[in-house]
Structure formats: structure tokens, C-alpha cells
Amino acid sequence: MTTLQDCQALDAQDPLRPLRDLFTLPPGMIYLDGNSLGAAPRAAAERAATVVQQEWSQGLITSWNAAGWVDLPQRLGNQFAPWIGAGADEVVFTDTTSINLFKVLTAAARLAREDAPQRKKLISERSNFPTDLYIAQSVCAEYGLELVLLEPEEIAAALTPEVAICMLTHVNYRTGAMHDMAAVTAAAHAQGILCVWDLCHSAGAVPVDLKGANADYAVGCSYKYLNGGPGAPAFVWVHPRHADRFWQPLSGWFGHSAPFAFTPGYEPAAGIRRYLCGTQPIVSLSLLQCGLDTYEAARPLGGMAALRTKSLTLTDLFIRLVEERCAGHGLGLATPRDHAARGSQVCLTRDEGAYAIVQALIARGVVGDYRAGSGAAPAAGKGDGGTAHKDILRFGFTPLYIGFEDVWNAVEQLRQVLESGEWRRPEFNQINAVT
């Protein structure tokens, strides 16, 4: 049996432990929801004050040049690009994930229409994050494509010459199951299919190599594992072979080749800059800089390899402790046990009371979240099966600031909530707007 002392020993040996000091977390809170909203970097408050009190209040319009506001989307993109296997000048931070997905799906649809007009299908995973499916519905309606939704185990057989685009989220938001990006992309390309990847639950959490996988397009958010703040701008990447072939559909002035020439006709900028649209959210981008800087601090401590090793050790420990200490309370596992198929979260299932259990944990200072049952069938060989229709207790493990003693204490609180039955109290069963 794993003991508290075992977990404390792991913390003492953890080379990444100093990174926790880069974040502001409430005393006594165990924050296991960084897969929904990352913690605030300590530097963010001072950076916000500098932007507001100096760059904006004093510099005013001159800060577009003097403070480097004008090229902030590209500078941040270049800073982050190596963490997702992208090259220089291939990534920009701008707009939201949904908007960026609309841009790249439209570009992919235009590309497919020109190169292979006979292809009429866009395939995706049935349990993909809903906004991805909503955006795909819109693009399909515009370009005469059929949206085909599949279970994960059906995707390989569905990669046929009738398909124009395969759109997948690298790590599933409900289960934490991770696709093999390189294998899926290679199989799709063998059939002439373009691949669009959503990296919201993998960027900064698991190794990603877009160029190595030969992906076509990718988008992702920055307010989860990248700790950019609520609503922080998302990122967009386009493989250089596609970047200059088409305009993206939101042809705003920041994506123009010469925005301050003020010409009436649109001429897209070269490369990834054409995926910008309107005036950029400078305060949000500036705070995002603080989140990206925490990754730079991790680089000399082992970088993504060290983060991934710790993530897997944390999630292994959580699964083991739940099974040792919470047995007999009806908890199932939706997350794959296989390291190669797991993101940086653990998702538990329960037939009754999942939402209330999460609320009772939050009241005790252990913050996770809840996702309602989708009705999607479990992926073959992933998790323990039987997750269809079941509600999810979801726990994210950000290795930048979560420690091993945190895991022990979180499971202990879960055990007490289950054994006491306190989750049945009325206040924990009142459904909030955000779950």
C-alpha cells in the first residue's frame, strides 16, 4: 500500500518542485482543474499592472511600437512553437479556439475542394468537444460536406477516399484518452485526407510534434495547461506547405500584408500572419506571456520530457490510490491505463452522485470538475469500459504545480466524502451554471 510518507518522499525527489513557487494558489487548496483553467502565475499581477499603468496609461498609442504590442501574437507564437513541434513563424496566438478552428477548417475545406472535389466527408469523433462539432457543422453546410461522427475505434476504417478532412482532438476532454497523432495522420495522408488537430487538452501537458507527425493544421487554447488566464487567446498553426495557398475566411486588417497601407482591397500576409484577424487583445496576450514563461523555467529542469514523466507518475499514483482507498464505492475508470494513450487527467465514473461528489470535494478544498454523461461508447481497450452514459468526475494534473502529497490528500478527501455520504447534502446537489 502506498503511504503518505511515500508521496512526501516523491515530492522531496521531484526536480520540478521549485516551479510551484511560480504560481499563486489559495492556501490549503488542491487544484486539480488545470485542464479547465490553469492557475495564475505570480508574475501575472505585476505584468497586468505594467500594461495598464505604464504601457496603456502612459504610453498610450505609442506602445503599439514602443512596447512591441504590434507583433505580440507572433512573438508569443515563436516562444511556444518548440513545445508543440512547430517551427519559427508558424504559430500565432489570436482569437479563440472556436474562431481559429473555423479558420483552419475553412482553409482545409477550400484546399480539399480545389484538389479533390469528389471528397464529400468530414469525419470526427462522436465524443469530441461540442464546440468543435458545432464549428464543423457550419463549415460542412457552407462547403457541401457531410459530417460523420465515429467512435474512436471506428476512425481507422473510416479513412477512405470519400473523406476530405479528419478533425480530431488529440486528448479527449471527457476521458483523457489520447490519439496517436503520427499514426492517424500517416493513415489519413495515405488516403489523401487532410488532418486538423485540436490541442486544447494536450498543449503543454503531453509531448506534441506537429511537424514530426506531418499534421496539416492545429489549434489550441492557452487558458488550460498554459496558464494564460480565463479567456486567454488561443493559438493556430498551419503547416508551411498550406499556409500561403488560401485566405482564411476572417480576412481582417491584422492579417493583411500591409495593414497600415489602408488599401481597400485585401491582400493576405505571407504565412501564418494571415491567420490573424482584427485588433489584438493586448492585455490578455501580455498575461499569457507570464504563463509561457513558466514553461521556459521548466526547460533547464528537463523540459517536456520531465513534465510528461511527472504527469504520468501523478496520474498513475492517483489511479492506484483511488483503487486502494476508495474501493467499494462504485467508482469506475474512464481514462486509459496505457501511458501512450493517456493525457494529463484522470476521469472517474459513477452511476449516482458524480456532480454532488465533485461539489463536496470543492467544499473541502479539492477542486476538480464534472462532465455529464454523453452517451458515447468507450474506446475499445481504453479505460475499464462501461463509460457510456455515465457521468464523469474529472481531475487534471498540471505537473508545474501539483505535487505527490497533493494526490494523497485529494484521494483521502474523496474517501471521506464517499464514506460519510456527505455528497447527498442538498447544497451539493444544486446544479451551478458552470459545472
Protein backbone atom coordinates (compact mmCIF):
# COMPACT_ATOMS: atom_id res chain seq x y z
CA MET A 1 0.00 0.00 0.00
CA THR A 2 1.21 3.48 -0.86
CA THR A 3 1.61 5.72 2.17
CA LEU A 4 1.59 9.46 2.77
CA GLN A 5 5.30 9.20 3.55
CA ASP A 6 5.88 7.59 0.14
CA CYS A 7 4.23 10.60 -1.51
CA GLN A 8 6.24 13.05 0.56
CA ALA A 9 9.42 11.24 -0.49
CA LEU A 10 8.44 11.62 -4.14
CA ASP A 11 7.98 15.35 -3.61
CA ALA A 12 11.39 15.63 -1.99
CA GLN A 13 12.97 13.98 -5.05
CA ASP A 14 10.96 15.94 -7.65
CA PRO A 15 13.23 18.14 -9.82
CA LEU A 16 10.21 20.20 -10.92
CA ARG A 17 9.07 21.04 -7.40
CA PRO A 18 10.52 24.60 -7.45
CA LEU A 19 8.15 25.51 -10.30
CA ARG A 20 5.20 25.51 -7.90
CA ASP A 21 6.55 28.75 -6.44
CA LEU A 22 5.90 30.45 -9.78
CA PHE A 23 2.12 30.22 -9.18
CA THR A 24 -0.41 31.81 -6.87
CA LEU A 25 -2.69 29.18 -5.34
CA PRO A 26 -5.03 29.65 -2.35
CA PRO A 27 -3.60 28.20 0.88
CA GLY A 28 -4.88 24.70 1.55
CA MET A 29 -6.39 24.24 -1.92
CA ILE A 30 -5.54 21.17 -4.02
CA TYR A 31 -6.21 22.41 -7.53
CA LEU A 32 -6.93 19.52 -9.92
CA ASP A 33 -8.73 21.55 -12.57
CA GLY A 34 -5.85 22.98 -14.59
CA ASN A 35 -7.31 21.13 -17.57
CA SER A 36 -10.20 23.63 -17.41
CA LEU A 37 -8.46 26.79 -16.17
CA GLY A 38 -4.81 26.95 -15.23
CA ALA A 39 -3.51 28.59 -12.09
CA ALA A 40 -2.36 32.22 -12.08
CA PRO A 41 1.38 32.78 -12.49
CA ARG A 42 2.74 35.02 -9.73
CA ALA A 43 4.14 37.34 -12.38
CA ALA A 44 0.71 37.98 -13.90
CA ALA A 45 -0.48 40.64 -11.46
CA GLU A 46 2.68 42.72 -11.88
CA ARG A 47 2.58 42.28 -15.65
CA ALA A 48 -1.06 43.41 -15.76
CA ALA A 49 -0.18 46.47 -13.70
CA THR A 50 2.68 47.33 -16.05
CA VAL A 51 0.47 47.03 -19.13
CA VAL A 52 -2.33 49.11 -17.64
CA GLN A 53 -0.40 51.68 -15.61
CA GLN A 54 2.58 52.21 -17.88
CA GLU A 55 2.14 50.89 -21.41
CA TRP A 56 -1.51 51.92 -21.73
CA SER A 57 -1.85 54.80 -19.23
CA GLN A 58 1.47 56.46 -20.05
CA GLY A 59 2.50 55.14 -23.45
CA LEU A 60 -1.00 55.16 -24.93
CA ILE A 61 -0.93 54.68 -28.70
CA THR A 62 2.87 54.77 -28.85
CA SER A 63 3.00 51.40 -27.06
CA TRP A 64 1.98 49.61 -30.24
CA ASN A 65 5.54 50.33 -31.35
CA ALA A 66 7.49 51.14 -28.18
CA ALA A 67 6.13 48.24 -26.10
CA GLY A 68 6.02 45.80 -29.01
CA TRP A 69 2.27 45.29 -28.94
CA VAL A 70 2.03 45.04 -32.71
CA ASP A 71 3.99 41.81 -33.03
CA LEU A 72 3.00 40.18 -29.74
CA PRO A 73 0.92 37.37 -31.38
CA GLN A 74 3.93 36.28 -33.44
CA ARG A 75 6.49 36.66 -30.63
CA LEU A 76 4.43 34.51 -28.29
CA GLY A 77 3.87 32.03 -31.10
CA ASN A 78 7.60 31.74 -31.68
CA GLN A 79 8.23 31.31 -27.96
CA PHE A 80 5.75 28.46 -27.70
CA ALA A 81 6.30 26.79 -31.10
CA PRO A 82 9.05 24.36 -29.96
CA TRP A 83 6.73 22.92 -27.28
CA ILE A 84 4.38 21.64 -29.99
CA GLY A 85 6.98 20.70 -32.58
CA ALA A 86 6.43 23.74 -34.77
CA GLY A 87 8.98 25.95 -36.48
CA ALA A 88 9.70 29.66 -36.30
CA ASP A 89 6.96 31.91 -37.70
CA GLU A 90 4.46 29.05 -37.88
CA VAL A 91 2.31 29.81 -34.81
CA VAL A 92 0.33 32.85 -33.69
CA PHE A 93 -1.77 33.44 -30.58
CA THR A 94 -5.02 35.15 -31.50
CA ASP A 95 -8.79 34.93 -31.11
CA THR A 96 -10.43 31.84 -29.54
CA THR A 97 -10.11 28.14 -30.24
CA SER A 98 -13.54 28.11 -31.88
CA ILE A 99 -12.69 31.02 -34.17
CA ASN A 100 -9.30 29.56 -35.06
CA LEU A 101 -10.90 26.19 -35.77
CA PHE A 102 -13.34 27.90 -38.12
CA LYS A 103 -10.39 29.48 -39.92
CA VAL A 104 -8.42 26.27 -40.42
CA LEU A 105 -11.41 24.06 -41.22
CA THR A 106 -12.49 26.55 -43.87
CA ALA A 107 -8.97 26.66 -45.29
CA ALA A 108 -8.87 22.86 -45.31
CA ALA A 109 -12.29 22.68 -46.99
CA ARG A 110 -11.16 25.12 -49.68
CA LEU A 111 -7.98 23.14 -50.21
CA ALA A 112 -9.90 19.87 -50.48
CA ARG A 113 -12.43 21.40 -52.87
CA GLU A 114 -9.62 22.50 -55.19
CA ASP A 115 -7.51 19.34 -55.00
CA ALA A 116 -10.17 16.63 -54.62
CA PRO A 117 -13.72 17.96 -55.19
CA GLN A 118 -15.12 14.42 -55.21
CA ARG A 119 -14.40 14.06 -51.48
CA LYS A 120 -17.55 14.92 -49.50
CA LYS A 121 -17.00 13.82 -45.90
CA LEU A 122 -15.53 15.41 -42.79
CA ILE A 123 -15.02 12.82 -40.06
CA SER A 124 -14.61 13.35 -36.35
CA GLU A 125 -15.06 11.63 -33.01
CA ARG A 126 -18.59 11.49 -31.61
CA SER A 127 -17.33 12.47 -28.16
CA ASN A 128 -15.26 15.36 -29.48
CA PHE A 129 -15.66 18.64 -27.61
CA PRO A 130 -19.03 20.03 -28.72
CA THR A 131 -17.77 23.40 -29.98
CA ASP A 132 -15.54 21.57 -32.47
CA LEU A 133 -18.55 19.72 -33.80
CA TYR A 134 -20.64 22.89 -33.96
CA ILE A 135 -17.95 24.68 -35.97
CA ALA A 136 -17.60 21.64 -38.22
CA GLN A 137 -21.36 21.64 -38.85
CA SER A 138 -21.11 25.24 -40.01
CA VAL A 139 -18.20 24.58 -42.36
CA CYS A 140 -19.84 21.45 -43.75
CA ALA A 141 -23.03 23.38 -44.52
CA GLU A 142 -21.03 26.04 -46.35
CA TYR A 143 -18.90 23.64 -48.40
CA GLY A 144 -21.31 20.80 -49.08
CA LEU A 145 -19.62 18.26 -46.83
CA GLU A 146 -21.19 15.56 -44.70
CA LEU A 147 -20.12 15.49 -41.04
CA VAL A 148 -19.64 11.85 -40.00
CA LEU A 149 -19.24 11.14 -36.27
CA LEU A 150 -17.46 7.99 -35.18
CA GLU A 151 -16.31 6.07 -32.14
CA PRO A 152 -12.52 6.12 -31.69
CA GLU A 153 -12.12 2.51 -32.74
CA GLU A 154 -14.00 3.22 -35.98
CA ILE A 155 -11.73 6.00 -37.23
CA ALA A 156 -9.03 3.87 -38.85
CA ALA A 157 -11.52 2.03 -41.07
CA ALA A 158 -13.26 5.30 -41.95
CA LEU A 159 -10.15 6.82 -43.56
CA THR A 160 -11.30 6.25 -47.14
CA PRO A 161 -11.07 8.19 -50.43
CA GLU A 162 -14.53 9.72 -49.79
CA VAL A 163 -13.13 11.71 -46.84
CA ALA A 164 -11.76 15.22 -47.29
CA ILE A 165 -10.88 16.13 -43.69
CA CYS A 166 -10.26 14.27 -40.43
CA MET A 167 -10.74 16.56 -37.41
CA LEU A 168 -9.74 15.15 -34.04
CA THR A 169 -8.93 16.38 -30.56
CA HIS A 170 -5.58 14.92 -29.56
CA VAL A 171 -6.66 14.27 -25.94
CA ASN A 172 -10.36 13.67 -25.31
CA TYR A 173 -11.83 16.17 -22.88
CA ARG A 174 -14.15 13.66 -21.16
CA THR A 175 -11.88 10.65 -20.77
CA GLY A 176 -8.28 11.81 -21.16
CA ALA A 177 -7.75 9.25 -23.94
CA MET A 178 -5.04 10.31 -26.38
CA HIS A 179 -4.80 9.55 -30.09
CA ASP A 180 -1.55 8.55 -31.75
CA MET A 181 -1.19 11.71 -33.82
CA ALA A 182 1.59 10.46 -36.04
CA ALA A 183 -0.14 7.16 -36.84
CA VAL A 184 -3.55 8.69 -37.52
CA THR A 185 -2.07 11.44 -39.67
CA ALA A 186 0.02 8.99 -41.69
CA ALA A 187 -3.01 6.74 -42.28
CA ALA A 188 -5.10 9.74 -43.32
CA HIS A 189 -2.45 11.09 -45.68
CA ALA A 190 -2.13 7.66 -47.28
CA GLN A 191 -5.74 8.17 -48.40
CA GLY A 192 -5.26 11.83 -49.38
CA ILE A 193 -7.09 13.18 -46.30
CA LEU A 194 -6.19 16.44 -44.51
CA CYS A 195 -5.77 16.27 -40.73
CA VAL A 196 -6.87 19.03 -38.34
CA TRP A 197 -5.88 18.62 -34.67
CA ASP A 198 -7.32 20.31 -31.58
CA LEU A 199 -4.58 20.51 -28.92
CA CYS A 200 -6.61 22.09 -26.11
CA HIS A 201 -6.04 19.20 -23.71
CA SER A 202 -2.52 18.33 -24.83
CA ALA A 203 -0.55 21.54 -25.45
CA GLY A 204 1.80 21.97 -22.52
CA ALA A 205 0.65 18.70 -20.94
CA VAL A 206 1.93 15.96 -23.26
CA PRO A 207 4.62 15.81 -25.95
CA VAL A 208 3.35 17.15 -29.28
CA ASP A 209 5.35 17.11 -32.53
CA LEU A 210 3.24 18.66 -35.28
CA LYS A 211 5.99 18.76 -37.88
CA GLY A 212 7.21 15.29 -36.94
CA ALA A 213 3.68 13.95 -37.31
CA ASN A 214 3.31 15.84 -40.61
CA ALA A 215 -0.01 17.31 -39.47
CA ASP A 216 -1.81 19.83 -41.65
CA TYR A 217 -3.49 22.23 -39.21
CA ALA A 218 -3.72 22.62 -35.44
CA VAL A 219 -5.41 24.89 -32.93
CA GLY A 220 -5.46 25.02 -29.15
CA CYS A 221 -6.31 27.16 -26.15
CA SER A 222 -3.92 28.79 -23.70
CA TYR A 223 -6.04 29.09 -20.56
CA LYS A 224 -5.69 25.44 -19.51
CA TYR A 225 -2.21 23.95 -19.14
CA LEU A 226 -0.53 27.10 -20.49
CA ASN A 227 -1.92 29.16 -17.59
CA GLY A 228 -2.73 32.18 -19.75
CA GLY A 229 -5.79 33.27 -17.77
CA PRO A 230 -9.56 33.00 -18.35
CA GLY A 231 -10.40 33.57 -22.00
CA ALA A 232 -6.75 33.96 -22.97
CA PRO A 233 -6.12 33.96 -26.74
CA ALA A 234 -5.80 30.61 -28.46
CA PHE A 235 -3.13 29.57 -30.95
CA VAL A 236 -3.24 28.43 -34.55
CA TRP A 237 -0.65 26.51 -36.57
CA VAL A 238 -0.65 25.73 -40.27
CA HIS A 239 1.90 23.53 -41.98
CA PRO A 240 4.07 25.74 -44.22
CA ARG A 241 3.04 23.73 -47.27
CA HIS A 242 -0.52 25.03 -46.84
CA ALA A 243 -0.01 28.44 -45.28
CA ASP A 244 0.01 30.53 -48.45
CA ARG A 245 -2.48 28.60 -50.54
CA PHE A 246 -5.71 30.18 -49.28
CA TRP A 247 -7.03 33.11 -47.32
CA GLN A 248 -8.60 32.15 -44.07
CA PRO A 249 -12.26 33.32 -44.08
CA LEU A 250 -11.96 36.12 -41.50
CA SER A 251 -9.87 38.47 -43.60
CA GLY A 252 -9.32 41.27 -41.10
CA TRP A 253 -6.74 44.02 -41.23
CA PHE A 254 -4.18 42.41 -38.92
CA GLY A 255 -3.96 39.55 -41.42
CA HIS A 256 -3.28 41.98 -44.28
CA SER A 257 0.18 42.12 -45.84
CA ALA A 258 0.36 45.86 -45.11
CA PRO A 259 -2.33 46.77 -42.57
CA PHE A 260 -1.27 50.40 -42.27
CA ALA A 261 -1.32 50.98 -46.02
CA PHE A 262 -5.11 51.17 -45.62
CA THR A 263 -5.83 49.89 -49.11
CA PRO A 264 -9.45 48.97 -49.87
CA GLY A 265 -8.59 45.54 -51.26
CA TYR A 266 -7.47 42.65 -49.09
CA GLU A 267 -4.04 41.16 -49.70
CA PRO A 268 -3.21 38.42 -47.19
CA ALA A 269 0.08 38.46 -45.35
CA ALA A 270 2.54 35.70 -46.08
CA GLY A 271 2.49 32.59 -43.91
CA ILE A 272 0.84 32.30 -40.53
CA ARG A 273 0.26 36.06 -40.13
CA ARG A 274 -2.72 35.79 -42.48
CA TYR A 275 -4.48 33.81 -39.74
CA LEU A 276 -4.73 36.96 -37.64
CA CYS A 277 -7.92 38.93 -37.99
CA GLY A 278 -8.73 42.13 -36.07
CA THR A 279 -7.01 44.27 -33.46
CA GLN A 280 -5.35 42.04 -30.90
CA PRO A 281 -6.29 41.74 -27.16
CA ILE A 282 -3.06 43.16 -25.78
CA VAL A 283 -3.80 42.85 -22.05
CA SER A 284 -4.73 39.17 -22.42
CA LEU A 285 -1.75 38.44 -24.64
CA SER A 286 0.54 40.14 -22.13
CA LEU A 287 -0.74 37.97 -19.28
CA LEU A 288 -0.33 34.89 -21.46
CA GLN A 289 3.36 35.77 -21.68
CA CYS A 290 3.61 35.00 -17.94
CA GLY A 291 2.12 31.55 -18.46
CA LEU A 292 4.51 30.75 -21.30
CA ASP A 293 7.44 31.95 -19.20
CA THR A 294 6.73 29.20 -16.65
CA TYR A 295 7.49 26.69 -19.39
CA GLU A 296 10.76 28.42 -20.08
CA ALA A 297 11.57 27.93 -16.39
CA ALA A 298 10.88 24.20 -16.85
CA ARG A 299 13.26 23.88 -19.78
CA PRO A 300 16.53 23.62 -17.77
CA LEU A 301 14.80 21.19 -15.38
CA GLY A 302 14.16 18.67 -18.13
CA GLY A 303 11.55 20.39 -20.28
CA MET A 304 8.63 18.46 -21.72
CA ALA A 305 10.23 15.08 -21.05
CA ALA A 306 10.36 15.84 -17.33
CA LEU A 307 6.83 17.28 -17.34
CA ARG A 308 5.48 14.19 -19.08
CA THR A 309 7.27 11.81 -16.71
CA LYS A 310 5.85 13.63 -13.70
CA SER A 311 2.37 13.79 -15.25
CA LEU A 312 2.29 10.04 -15.76
CA THR A 313 3.62 9.38 -12.27
CA LEU A 314 0.99 11.69 -10.75
CA THR A 315 -1.87 10.11 -12.69
CA ASP A 316 -0.63 6.56 -12.00
CA LEU A 317 -0.49 7.42 -8.31
CA PHE A 318 -3.99 8.89 -8.31
CA ILE A 319 -5.47 5.84 -10.03
CA ARG A 320 -3.69 3.47 -7.66
CA LEU A 321 -4.72 5.37 -4.52
CA VAL A 322 -8.35 5.62 -5.64
CA GLU A 323 -8.43 1.87 -6.21
CA GLU A 324 -6.71 1.16 -2.89
CA ARG A 325 -8.59 3.63 -0.68
CA CYS A 326 -11.98 4.13 -2.36
CA ALA A 327 -12.80 0.55 -3.32
CA GLY A 328 -16.41 -0.48 -2.93
CA HIS A 329 -17.86 2.97 -3.65
CA GLY A 330 -18.85 2.41 -7.27
CA LEU A 331 -16.09 4.37 -8.96
CA GLY A 332 -15.02 3.35 -12.45
CA LEU A 333 -12.10 4.49 -14.58
CA ALA A 334 -12.72 6.13 -17.96
CA THR A 335 -9.09 7.11 -18.54
CA PRO A 336 -6.69 4.72 -20.31
CA ARG A 337 -4.18 2.92 -18.14
CA ASP A 338 -1.79 2.72 -21.08
CA HIS A 339 0.68 5.62 -20.86
CA ALA A 340 0.81 6.04 -24.62
CA ALA A 341 -2.95 6.58 -24.71
CA ARG A 342 -3.34 8.88 -21.68
CA GLY A 343 -3.28 12.66 -21.41
CA SER A 344 -2.69 14.50 -18.13
CA GLN A 345 -6.05 13.90 -16.48
CA VAL A 346 -7.89 11.09 -14.72
CA CYS A 347 -11.61 10.69 -15.24
CA LEU A 348 -13.66 8.58 -12.86
CA THR A 349 -17.22 7.40 -13.45
CA ARG A 350 -20.09 6.74 -11.08
CA ASP A 351 -23.70 5.75 -11.62
CA GLU A 352 -25.01 8.18 -9.00
CA GLY A 353 -23.95 11.47 -7.47
CA ALA A 354 -20.92 12.38 -9.59
CA TYR A 355 -21.78 16.08 -9.66
CA ALA A 356 -22.53 16.23 -5.93
CA ILE A 357 -19.32 14.37 -5.07
CA VAL A 358 -17.31 16.95 -7.01
CA GLN A 359 -19.12 19.77 -5.20
CA ALA A 360 -18.44 18.17 -1.82
CA LEU A 361 -14.77 17.88 -2.72
CA ILE A 362 -14.62 21.52 -3.75
CA ALA A 363 -16.09 22.48 -0.36
CA ARG A 364 -13.19 20.58 1.20
CA GLY A 365 -10.64 22.44 -0.95
CA VAL A 366 -10.10 19.76 -3.61
CA VAL A 367 -11.08 21.30 -6.95
CA GLY A 368 -11.94 19.06 -9.86
CA ASP A 369 -14.91 19.26 -12.20
CA TYR A 370 -17.84 17.30 -13.57
CA ARG A 371 -18.92 16.34 -17.07
CA ALA A 372 -22.33 14.92 -17.79
CA GLY A 373 -22.68 11.55 -19.49
CA SER A 374 -22.54 11.88 -23.26
CA GLY A 375 -23.92 8.55 -24.31
CA ALA A 376 -20.73 7.90 -26.25
CA ALA A 377 -19.41 4.36 -26.19
CA PRO A 378 -15.97 3.84 -24.61
CA ALA A 379 -12.97 3.39 -26.86
CA ALA A 380 -12.02 -0.23 -27.28
CA GLY A 381 -9.27 -1.23 -24.89
CA LYS A 382 -9.21 2.13 -23.15
CA GLY A 383 -10.10 2.68 -19.54
CA ASP A 384 -12.09 -0.11 -17.95
CA GLY A 385 -15.05 0.10 -20.31
CA GLY A 386 -18.66 0.74 -19.44
CA THR A 387 -18.39 4.54 -19.56
CA ALA A 388 -21.31 5.02 -21.95
CA HIS A 389 -23.97 7.32 -20.47
CA LYS A 390 -22.04 7.64 -17.22
CA ASP A 391 -21.20 10.94 -15.58
CA ILE A 392 -17.56 11.91 -15.16
CA LEU A 393 -15.60 13.16 -12.15
CA ARG A 394 -12.66 14.83 -13.90
CA PHE A 395 -9.29 15.62 -12.33
CA GLY A 396 -6.44 17.37 -14.16
CA PHE A 397 -2.81 17.07 -13.11
CA THR A 398 -0.62 20.01 -14.09
CA PRO A 399 2.93 18.93 -13.25
CA LEU A 400 4.11 22.54 -13.00
CA TYR A 401 2.33 22.98 -9.66
CA ILE A 402 0.77 19.70 -8.49
CA GLY A 403 2.74 17.55 -6.06
CA PHE A 404 2.51 13.95 -4.91
CA GLU A 405 1.32 14.80 -1.41
CA ASP A 406 -1.48 16.75 -3.12
CA VAL A 407 -2.55 13.50 -4.76
CA TRP A 408 -2.58 11.62 -1.44
CA ASN A 409 -4.62 14.32 0.26
CA ALA A 410 -7.06 14.60 -2.63
CA VAL A 411 -7.81 10.88 -2.55
CA GLU A 412 -8.16 10.99 1.24
CA GLN A 413 -10.77 13.73 0.90
CA LEU A 414 -12.55 11.72 -1.78
CA ARG A 415 -12.58 8.68 0.51
CA GLN A 416 -14.11 10.70 3.33
CA VAL A 417 -16.77 12.22 1.06
CA LEU A 418 -17.79 8.77 -0.15
CA GLU A 419 -17.70 7.03 3.23
CA SER A 420 -19.57 9.79 5.06
CA GLY A 421 -22.20 10.20 2.35
CA GLU A 422 -21.97 13.97 2.75
CA TRP A 423 -22.32 14.39 -1.01
CA ARG A 424 -26.02 13.68 -0.50
CA ARG A 425 -26.49 17.01 1.27
CA PRO A 426 -28.86 19.35 -0.62
CA GLU A 427 -26.33 22.13 -1.14
CA PHE A 428 -24.05 19.79 -3.09
CA ASN A 429 -26.87 18.78 -5.41
CA GLN A 430 -27.77 22.29 -6.60
CA ILE A 431 -26.57 22.47 -10.19
CA ASN A 432 -24.43 25.52 -10.95
CA ALA A 433 -24.30 27.25 -14.33
CA VAL A 434 -20.69 26.12 -14.81
CA THR A 435 -20.00 22.51 -13.82
